[in-house]
Amino acid sequence: MISPEEEKFYAQWEKERLQPQYKRRPFLRGLSVGLSLGVLVLLITEFDWYERANMQVNSRGNEIWIIISILVISIGFGWFYQQFTSEMNEQRYQELKHIKSKK
C-alpha cells in the first residue's frame, strides 16, 4: 500500500525529525520569494506607477529603510517557508505512520 518512494521518505524523516529543523534549502527558497517581491516593489516605484507613493519613496533617508524592510520581509518569508516545509513533512510522516500501523 505504501510506494517505495514513500517508504524512503518515511525512513529518512524518521531519522531527521528529532533534529533541529534549520535546513538551508527551504530557507533559501523562501528567501528568494521574499527578495523577488522586494524587487517587484522597487520596480513599481522606479517606473512611477503610483505618483504619491513615489514621492514618499524619494523623500530623504527612505532608501535605506526600504532596503532594510525588504531584507526583513525576505528573511521572514524564508523562515516561514522553512517552518511550513518542516510541518508538511511531519504531517506526511504521521500519515504514513498511521497507514503502516493499520497493516
Protein backbone atom coordinates (compact mmCIF):
# COMPACT_ATOMS: atom_id res chain seq x y z
CA MET A 1 0.00 0.00 0.00
CA ILE A 2 2.98 2.32 0.54
CA SER A 3 5.09 3.06 -2.51
CA PRO A 4 8.91 2.70 -2.41
CA GLU A 5 9.24 6.49 -2.59
CA GLU A 6 7.01 6.91 0.46
CA GLU A 7 8.93 4.19 2.30
CA LYS A 8 12.18 6.00 1.53
CA PHE A 9 10.72 9.29 2.79
CA TYR A 10 9.42 7.56 5.93
CA ALA A 11 12.85 6.14 6.77
CA GLN A 12 14.60 9.44 6.06
CA TRP A 13 12.17 11.59 8.04
CA GLU A 14 12.18 9.15 10.96
CA LYS A 15 15.91 9.87 11.34
CA GLU A 16 15.69 13.63 10.72
CA ARG A 17 12.51 14.59 12.57
CA LEU A 18 14.11 14.89 16.01
CA GLN A 19 16.99 17.05 14.78
CA PRO A 20 16.61 20.84 14.67
CA GLN A 21 14.73 21.85 11.53
CA TYR A 22 17.09 24.58 10.38
CA LYS A 23 17.62 23.45 6.81
CA ARG A 24 19.24 25.73 4.27
CA ARG A 25 17.33 24.75 1.11
CA PRO A 26 13.77 25.64 2.26
CA PHE A 27 15.09 28.84 3.83
CA LEU A 28 16.76 29.89 0.59
CA ARG A 29 13.61 29.14 -1.41
CA GLY A 30 11.54 31.33 0.89
CA LEU A 31 14.24 34.00 0.86
CA SER A 32 14.22 34.10 -2.93
CA VAL A 33 10.43 34.56 -2.95
CA GLY A 34 10.74 37.45 -0.48
CA LEU A 35 13.53 39.07 -2.47
CA SER A 36 11.55 38.75 -5.71
CA LEU A 37 8.62 40.51 -4.08
CA GLY A 38 11.01 43.23 -2.90
CA VAL A 39 12.41 43.65 -6.40
CA LEU A 40 8.85 43.88 -7.70
CA VAL A 41 8.11 46.68 -5.24
CA LEU A 42 11.29 48.50 -6.27
CA LEU A 43 10.36 48.16 -9.96
CA ILE A 44 6.88 49.53 -9.32
CA THR A 45 8.30 52.58 -7.54
CA GLU A 46 11.02 53.03 -10.17
CA PHE A 47 8.55 53.20 -13.06
CA ASP A 48 6.34 55.78 -11.29
CA TRP A 49 3.16 53.72 -11.39
CA TYR A 50 1.77 55.40 -8.31
CA GLU A 51 2.86 59.03 -8.06
CA ARG A 52 2.02 59.63 -4.42
CA ALA A 53 3.88 56.51 -3.25
CA ASN A 54 6.80 57.51 -5.43
CA MET A 55 7.00 60.90 -3.68
CA GLN A 56 7.18 59.10 -0.32
CA VAL A 57 9.87 56.74 -1.55
CA ASN A 58 12.03 59.53 -2.94
CA SER A 59 12.00 61.60 0.24
CA ARG A 60 15.28 61.86 2.13
CA GLY A 61 16.53 58.84 4.04
CA ASN A 62 13.88 56.42 2.90
CA GLU A 63 16.12 54.37 0.60
CA ILE A 64 17.90 52.61 3.43
CA TRP A 65 14.62 51.88 5.24
CA ILE A 66 13.11 50.38 2.12
CA ILE A 67 16.10 48.09 1.65
CA ILE A 68 16.07 47.10 5.34
CA SER A 69 12.35 46.36 5.21
CA ILE A 70 12.76 44.26 2.06
CA LEU A 71 15.52 42.27 3.77
CA VAL A 72 13.45 41.77 6.93
CA ILE A 73 10.42 40.66 4.93
CA SER A 74 12.59 38.33 2.83
CA ILE A 75 14.11 36.73 5.92
CA GLY A 76 10.60 36.36 7.33
CA PHE A 77 9.46 34.63 4.15
CA GLY A 78 12.49 32.35 4.34
CA TRP A 79 11.79 31.40 7.96
CA PHE A 80 8.08 30.89 7.30
CA TYR A 81 8.73 28.66 4.29
CA GLN A 82 11.28 26.65 6.27
CA GLN A 83 8.75 26.06 9.07
CA PHE A 84 5.98 25.30 6.57
CA THR A 85 8.12 22.69 4.80
CA SER A 86 9.04 21.06 8.08
CA GLU A 87 5.40 20.88 9.18
CA MET A 88 4.31 19.43 5.83
CA ASN A 89 6.98 16.73 6.07
CA GLU A 90 5.92 15.93 9.64
CA GLN A 91 2.28 15.65 8.56
CA ARG A 92 3.24 13.34 5.70
CA TYR A 93 5.30 11.24 8.11
CA GLN A 94 2.38 10.96 10.55
CA GLU A 95 0.03 9.90 7.74
CA LEU A 96 2.46 7.23 6.55
CA LYS A 97 2.96 6.06 10.13
CA HIS A 98 -0.80 5.71 10.51
CA ILE A 99 -1.06 3.74 7.27
CA LYS A 100 1.79 1.45 8.36
CA SER A 101 0.19 0.85 11.75
CA LYS A 102 -3.10 -0.19 10.10
CA LYS A 103 -1.39 -3.11 8.33
